[in-house]
Amino acid sequence: MQLTGQTSNINVRPQSRLRKSHGALNMVGWGILMIIGAIVARHFRQWDPVWFYVHICIQSLGFLLGIAGVICGIILENRLGADVSTHKGLGVFLLVLGCLQVSLSPSLSLSLPPSLSETVACIFVRR
């Protein structure tokens, strides 16, 4: 028993930190930041053009954290040699969707964001 209040790391498996990193990075990247970025794009367009740059920053950070989480998962699978085929399949599916969104999304192109008046005009023309 230690009286210093510090815990001992003797019995901690080396993969436990990697497993926690894999879960935390993916949860924050794909599960929180990507959703917040979509909410910004959907509901904050009245702050043109700031909404666009905030959206891009949040989505990019979420994507990068998600990629880091996927890399942690690949390393973890190689170290453990575990059969996680269903989990891996879902992860690859989400990664493909994320990559498609990043590569095909016009909001991530190098063009300037549309002005608010153009956006409003498109909404009225389509209806």
C-alpha atoms as a PDB file:
ATOM      1  CA  MET A   1       0.000   0.000   0.000  1.00  0.00           C
ATOM      2  CA  GLN A   2       1.326   3.405  -0.966  1.00  0.00           C
ATOM      3  CA  LEU A   3       0.688   6.379   1.254  1.00  0.00           C
ATOM      4  CA  THR A   4       1.654   8.960  -1.366  1.00  0.00           C
ATOM      5  CA  GLY A   5      -1.637   8.754  -3.238  1.00  0.00           C
ATOM      6  CA  GLN A   6       0.079   7.677  -6.424  1.00  0.00           C
ATOM      7  CA  THR A   7      -1.004   4.538  -8.217  1.00  0.00           C
ATOM      8  CA  SER A   8       1.402   1.913  -9.388  1.00  0.00           C
ATOM      9  CA  ASN A   9       1.650   1.100 -13.104  1.00  0.00           C
ATOM     10  CA  ILE A  10       3.186  -2.333 -12.537  1.00  0.00           C
ATOM     11  CA  ASN A  11       0.091  -4.348 -13.517  1.00  0.00           C
ATOM     12  CA  VAL A  12      -1.083  -2.086 -16.365  1.00  0.00           C
ATOM     13  CA  ARG A  13      -0.940  -3.782 -19.751  1.00  0.00           C
ATOM     14  CA  PRO A  14       0.903  -1.760 -22.400  1.00  0.00           C
ATOM     15  CA  GLN A  15      -2.099  -2.032 -24.748  1.00  0.00           C
ATOM     16  CA  SER A  16      -4.526  -0.427 -22.301  1.00  0.00           C
ATOM     17  CA  ARG A  17      -3.300   3.110 -23.037  1.00  0.00           C
ATOM     18  CA  LEU A  18      -3.436   2.414 -26.760  1.00  0.00           C
ATOM     19  CA  ARG A  19      -6.962   1.004 -26.416  1.00  0.00           C
ATOM     20  CA  LYS A  20      -8.105   4.067 -24.469  1.00  0.00           C
ATOM     21  CA  SER A  21      -6.452   6.359 -27.023  1.00  0.00           C
ATOM     22  CA  HIS A  22      -8.179   4.517 -29.875  1.00  0.00           C
ATOM     23  CA  GLY A  23     -11.573   4.914 -28.210  1.00  0.00           C
ATOM     24  CA  ALA A  24     -11.114   8.512 -27.088  1.00  0.00           C
ATOM     25  CA  LEU A  25      -9.718   9.788 -30.391  1.00  0.00           C
ATOM     26  CA  ASN A  26     -12.470   8.143 -32.422  1.00  0.00           C
ATOM     27  CA  MET A  27     -15.216   9.221 -30.039  1.00  0.00           C
ATOM     28  CA  VAL A  28     -14.097  12.848 -30.004  1.00  0.00           C
ATOM     29  CA  GLY A  29     -13.182  12.962 -33.706  1.00  0.00           C
ATOM     30  CA  TRP A  30     -16.030  11.100 -35.404  1.00  0.00           C
ATOM     31  CA  GLY A  31     -18.637  11.223 -32.668  1.00  0.00           C
ATOM     32  CA  ILE A  32     -18.417  14.784 -31.388  1.00  0.00           C
ATOM     33  CA  LEU A  33     -16.420  17.155 -33.597  1.00  0.00           C
ATOM     34  CA  MET A  34     -17.828  15.971 -36.932  1.00  0.00           C
ATOM     35  CA  ILE A  35     -21.357  16.399 -35.584  1.00  0.00           C
ATOM     36  CA  ILE A  36     -20.590  19.852 -34.176  1.00  0.00           C
ATOM     37  CA  GLY A  37     -19.092  20.837 -37.538  1.00  0.00           C
ATOM     38  CA  ALA A  38     -22.270  19.738 -39.317  1.00  0.00           C
ATOM     39  CA  ILE A  39     -24.403  21.675 -36.827  1.00  0.00           C
ATOM     40  CA  VAL A  40     -22.319  24.797 -37.427  1.00  0.00           C
ATOM     41  CA  ALA A  41     -22.781  24.435 -41.183  1.00  0.00           C
ATOM     42  CA  ARG A  42     -26.524  23.919 -40.830  1.00  0.00           C
ATOM     43  CA  HIS A  43     -27.524  26.452 -38.186  1.00  0.00           C
ATOM     44  CA  PHE A  44     -24.957  29.265 -38.103  1.00  0.00           C
ATOM     45  CA  ARG A  45     -25.004  30.569 -41.652  1.00  0.00           C
ATOM     46  CA  GLN A  46     -26.229  33.971 -40.514  1.00  0.00           C
ATOM     47  CA  TRP A  47     -22.635  34.682 -39.440  1.00  0.00           C
ATOM     48  CA  ASP A  48     -21.290  34.669 -42.986  1.00  0.00           C
ATOM     49  CA  PRO A  49     -18.382  33.964 -43.695  1.00  0.00           C
ATOM     50  CA  VAL A  50     -17.252  33.067 -40.149  1.00  0.00           C
ATOM     51  CA  TRP A  51     -19.503  29.976 -40.010  1.00  0.00           C
ATOM     52  CA  PHE A  52     -17.678  28.519 -42.994  1.00  0.00           C
ATOM     53  CA  TYR A  53     -14.204  28.804 -41.485  1.00  0.00           C
ATOM     54  CA  VAL A  54     -15.373  27.517 -38.097  1.00  0.00           C
ATOM     55  CA  HIS A  55     -17.062  24.602 -39.880  1.00  0.00           C
ATOM     56  CA  ILE A  56     -13.892  23.787 -41.838  1.00  0.00           C
ATOM     57  CA  CYS A  57     -11.681  23.944 -38.734  1.00  0.00           C
ATOM     58  CA  ILE A  58     -13.965  21.727 -36.643  1.00  0.00           C
ATOM     59  CA  GLN A  59     -14.494  19.194 -39.442  1.00  0.00           C
ATOM     60  CA  SER A  60     -10.770  19.045 -40.240  1.00  0.00           C
ATOM     61  CA  LEU A  61      -9.826  18.560 -36.598  1.00  0.00           C
ATOM     62  CA  GLY A  62     -12.470  15.854 -36.224  1.00  0.00           C
ATOM     63  CA  PHE A  63     -11.227  14.075 -39.339  1.00  0.00           C
ATOM     64  CA  LEU A  64      -7.586  14.214 -38.211  1.00  0.00           C
ATOM     65  CA  LEU A  65      -8.448  12.902 -34.739  1.00  0.00           C
ATOM     66  CA  GLY A  66     -10.483  10.141 -36.360  1.00  0.00           C
ATOM     67  CA  ILE A  67      -7.558   9.154 -38.584  1.00  0.00           C
ATOM     68  CA  ALA A  68      -5.262   9.108 -35.535  1.00  0.00           C
ATOM     69  CA  GLY A  69      -7.778   6.866 -33.772  1.00  0.00           C
ATOM     70  CA  VAL A  70      -7.890   4.496 -36.742  1.00  0.00           C
ATOM     71  CA  ILE A  71      -4.085   4.301 -36.747  1.00  0.00           C
ATOM     72  CA  CYS A  72      -4.165   3.469 -33.016  1.00  0.00           C
ATOM     73  CA  GLY A  73      -6.715   0.754 -33.765  1.00  0.00           C
ATOM     74  CA  ILE A  74      -4.565  -0.786 -36.493  1.00  0.00           C
ATOM     75  CA  ILE A  75      -1.511  -0.813 -34.218  1.00  0.00           C
ATOM     76  CA  LEU A  76      -3.595  -2.272 -31.397  1.00  0.00           C
ATOM     77  CA  GLU A  77      -4.966  -5.049 -33.602  1.00  0.00           C
ATOM     78  CA  ASN A  78      -1.451  -5.959 -34.749  1.00  0.00           C
ATOM     79  CA  ARG A  79      -0.161  -6.077 -31.170  1.00  0.00           C
ATOM     80  CA  LEU A  80      -3.039  -8.071 -29.741  1.00  0.00           C
ATOM     81  CA  GLY A  81      -3.713 -10.330 -32.693  1.00  0.00           C
ATOM     82  CA  ALA A  82      -7.385 -10.264 -31.728  1.00  0.00           C
ATOM     83  CA  ASP A  83     -10.299 -11.150 -34.000  1.00  0.00           C
ATOM     84  CA  VAL A  84     -12.300  -7.929 -34.172  1.00  0.00           C
ATOM     85  CA  SER A  85     -13.738  -8.363 -37.652  1.00  0.00           C
ATOM     86  CA  THR A  86     -17.145  -6.766 -36.949  1.00  0.00           C
ATOM     87  CA  HIS A  87     -15.620  -3.803 -35.134  1.00  0.00           C
ATOM     88  CA  LYS A  88     -12.981  -3.434 -37.838  1.00  0.00           C
ATOM     89  CA  GLY A  89     -15.604  -3.617 -40.586  1.00  0.00           C
ATOM     90  CA  LEU A  90     -17.671  -0.860 -38.990  1.00  0.00           C
ATOM     91  CA  GLY A  91     -14.530   1.231 -38.507  1.00  0.00           C
ATOM     92  CA  VAL A  92     -13.472   0.832 -42.138  1.00  0.00           C
ATOM     93  CA  PHE A  93     -17.007   1.719 -43.259  1.00  0.00           C
ATOM     94  CA  LEU A  94     -16.955   4.935 -41.197  1.00  0.00           C
ATOM     95  CA  LEU A  95     -13.452   5.748 -42.417  1.00  0.00           C
ATOM     96  CA  VAL A  96     -14.554   5.367 -46.054  1.00  0.00           C
ATOM     97  CA  LEU A  97     -17.573   7.614 -45.434  1.00  0.00           C
ATOM     98  CA  GLY A  98     -15.355  10.193 -43.755  1.00  0.00           C
ATOM     99  CA  CYS A  99     -12.836  10.119 -46.590  1.00  0.00           C
ATOM    100  CA  LEU A 100     -15.611  10.467 -49.173  1.00  0.00           C
ATOM    101  CA  GLN A 101     -17.049  13.429 -47.308  1.00  0.00           C
ATOM    102  CA  VAL A 102     -13.659  15.125 -47.128  1.00  0.00           C
ATOM    103  CA  SER A 103     -12.724  14.430 -50.747  1.00  0.00           C
ATOM    104  CA  LEU A 104     -16.088  15.092 -52.391  1.00  0.00           C
ATOM    105  CA  SER A 105     -17.377  17.905 -50.203  1.00  0.00           C
ATOM    106  CA  PRO A 106     -17.415  21.262 -51.969  1.00  0.00           C
ATOM    107  CA  SER A 107     -17.009  22.955 -48.587  1.00  0.00           C
ATOM    108  CA  LEU A 108     -13.461  21.617 -48.311  1.00  0.00           C
ATOM    109  CA  SER A 109     -12.397  22.778 -51.739  1.00  0.00           C
ATOM    110  CA  LEU A 110     -10.129  25.764 -52.012  1.00  0.00           C
ATOM    111  CA  SER A 111     -12.924  27.985 -53.296  1.00  0.00           C
ATOM    112  CA  LEU A 112     -14.320  30.801 -51.243  1.00  0.00           C
ATOM    113  CA  PRO A 113     -17.497  30.190 -49.256  1.00  0.00           C
ATOM    114  CA  PRO A 114     -20.753  31.312 -50.840  1.00  0.00           C
ATOM    115  CA  SER A 115     -22.128  34.597 -49.632  1.00  0.00           C
ATOM    116  CA  LEU A 116     -25.297  34.624 -47.633  1.00  0.00           C
ATOM    117  CA  SER A 117     -27.255  36.258 -50.447  1.00  0.00           C
ATOM    118  CA  GLU A 118     -26.267  33.518 -52.904  1.00  0.00           C
ATOM    119  CA  THR A 119     -27.311  30.867 -50.407  1.00  0.00           C
ATOM    120  CA  VAL A 120     -30.698  32.479 -49.832  1.00  0.00           C
ATOM    121  CA  ALA A 121     -31.208  32.883 -53.588  1.00  0.00           C
ATOM    122  CA  CYS A 122     -30.501  29.174 -54.155  1.00  0.00           C
ATOM    123  CA  ILE A 123     -33.017  28.202 -51.497  1.00  0.00           C
ATOM    124  CA  PHE A 124     -35.781  30.259 -53.142  1.00  0.00           C
ATOM    125  CA  VAL A 125     -34.962  29.118 -56.682  1.00  0.00           C
ATOM    126  CA  ARG A 126     -35.094  25.428 -55.725  1.00  0.00           C
ATOM    127  CA  ARG A 127     -38.499  25.662 -54.044  1.00  0.00           C
END
